Amino acid sequence: MRTNLPALLVLSLACTPVLGESMRCGAAIVDETASVATLLEKCGEPQSKDVRTEDVYAPNVTGGTRKIGTRTIERWIYQRSSSALPMAVTIVDGKVTRLERVS
């Protein structure tokens, strides 16, 4: 039986789950599973913070929506070095939800 290795490689890559970003802070690595406390412990305070509050809505029985609360969204920017792209950390209601490189 002959195996088509390139096709198997492409198929295995297509089935691999996409992992979120991570960032290095000195010897530590932080990813989207880190708590805010861990992020601050390993990376320190960010160079900048943007904080905003958004209303949260849910459907109601008449087919419309109603406000059920608010959530706080923070975007912290870390400039790790002059040769690395800055990293943005999104925190929703005190939980790290996303890390991404920004230009």
Protein backbone atom coordinates (compact mmCIF):
# COMPACT_ATOMS: atom_id res chain seq x y z
CA MET A 1 0.00 0.00 0.00
CA ARG A 2 1.43 3.38 -1.00
CA THR A 3 0.88 6.40 1.26
CA ASN A 4 0.56 9.95 -0.02
CA LEU A 5 2.70 11.66 2.63
CA PRO A 6 2.13 15.29 1.51
CA ALA A 7 -1.64 14.78 1.53
CA LEU A 8 -1.50 13.23 5.00
CA LEU A 9 0.60 16.14 6.25
CA VAL A 10 -1.88 18.71 4.90
CA LEU A 11 -4.79 16.79 6.36
CA SER A 12 -3.15 16.52 9.79
CA LEU A 13 -2.39 20.25 9.81
CA ALA A 14 -5.97 21.04 8.86
CA CYS A 15 -7.21 18.97 11.81
CA THR A 16 -4.83 20.55 14.32
CA PRO A 17 -6.64 22.92 16.69
CA VAL A 18 -5.61 26.56 16.49
CA LEU A 19 -3.90 27.65 19.67
CA GLY A 20 -4.09 31.19 20.98
CA GLU A 21 -1.13 33.49 21.16
CA SER A 22 1.34 33.46 23.99
CA MET A 23 3.98 35.94 25.00
CA ARG A 24 7.31 35.74 26.74
CA CYS A 25 7.99 37.94 29.75
CA GLY A 26 11.62 37.37 30.66
CA ALA A 27 11.92 33.65 31.39
CA ALA A 28 8.14 33.20 31.81
CA ILE A 29 5.54 32.46 29.14
CA VAL A 30 1.98 33.73 29.50
CA ASP A 31 -1.00 32.56 27.44
CA GLU A 32 -4.78 33.02 27.41
CA THR A 33 -5.22 30.63 30.35
CA ALA A 34 -3.29 32.93 32.70
CA SER A 35 -5.09 34.84 35.41
CA VAL A 36 -4.69 38.61 35.64
CA ALA A 37 -2.68 38.10 38.85
CA THR A 38 -0.30 35.73 37.04
CA LEU A 39 0.00 38.15 34.12
CA LEU A 40 0.95 40.98 36.47
CA GLU A 41 3.33 38.75 38.43
CA LYS A 42 5.19 37.52 35.35
CA CYS A 43 5.01 40.58 33.07
CA GLY A 44 4.46 43.52 35.41
CA GLU A 45 2.32 46.53 34.63
CA PRO A 46 1.62 47.17 30.94
CA GLN A 47 2.86 50.26 29.12
CA SER A 48 -0.74 51.34 28.52
CA LYS A 49 -4.29 50.38 29.51
CA ASP A 50 -7.60 51.13 27.84
CA VAL A 51 -10.71 50.37 29.90
CA ARG A 52 -14.31 50.57 28.71
CA THR A 53 -17.70 49.33 29.87
CA GLU A 54 -20.24 47.75 27.50
CA ASP A 55 -23.89 46.95 28.03
CA VAL A 56 -24.84 43.27 27.83
CA TYR A 57 -28.15 42.36 26.20
CA ALA A 58 -30.24 39.18 26.05
CA PRO A 59 -33.34 38.28 24.04
CA ASN A 60 -36.69 38.84 25.69
CA VAL A 61 -40.04 37.09 25.19
CA THR A 62 -41.32 39.67 22.68
CA GLY A 63 -38.44 39.01 20.28
CA GLY A 64 -36.49 42.12 21.22
CA THR A 65 -33.60 42.49 23.59
CA ARG A 66 -33.20 43.81 27.08
CA LYS A 67 -30.20 44.99 29.01
CA ILE A 68 -29.14 42.42 31.60
CA GLY A 69 -25.96 44.05 32.84
CA THR A 70 -22.58 45.42 31.87
CA ARG A 71 -19.12 44.07 31.33
CA THR A 72 -15.73 45.69 31.66
CA ILE A 73 -13.28 45.24 28.80
CA GLU A 74 -9.63 46.14 29.26
CA ARG A 75 -6.92 46.19 26.61
CA TRP A 76 -3.39 46.17 27.99
CA ILE A 77 -0.40 46.82 25.73
CA TYR A 78 3.01 45.34 26.51
CA GLN A 79 6.10 46.48 24.59
CA ARG A 80 8.46 43.64 25.44
CA SER A 81 11.52 44.96 23.58
CA SER A 82 12.38 47.42 20.83
CA SER A 83 12.80 44.55 18.35
CA ALA A 84 9.53 42.73 19.14
CA LEU A 85 6.02 43.71 18.13
CA PRO A 86 3.86 44.93 21.01
CA MET A 87 1.39 42.46 22.50
CA ALA A 88 -2.20 43.37 23.33
CA VAL A 89 -3.94 41.50 26.13
CA THR A 90 -7.75 41.65 26.26
CA ILE A 91 -9.30 41.17 29.69
CA VAL A 92 -13.08 40.82 30.05
CA ASP A 93 -14.54 41.10 33.54
CA GLY A 94 -11.17 40.31 35.09
CA LYS A 95 -10.37 37.27 32.90
CA VAL A 96 -7.69 37.16 30.22
CA THR A 97 -9.48 36.28 26.97
CA ARG A 98 -7.04 37.10 24.18
CA LEU A 99 -3.40 37.84 23.42
CA GLU A 100 -2.41 39.23 20.05
CA ARG A 101 0.50 40.91 18.34
CA VAL A 102 -0.19 44.47 17.24
CA SER A 103 1.66 46.72 14.85
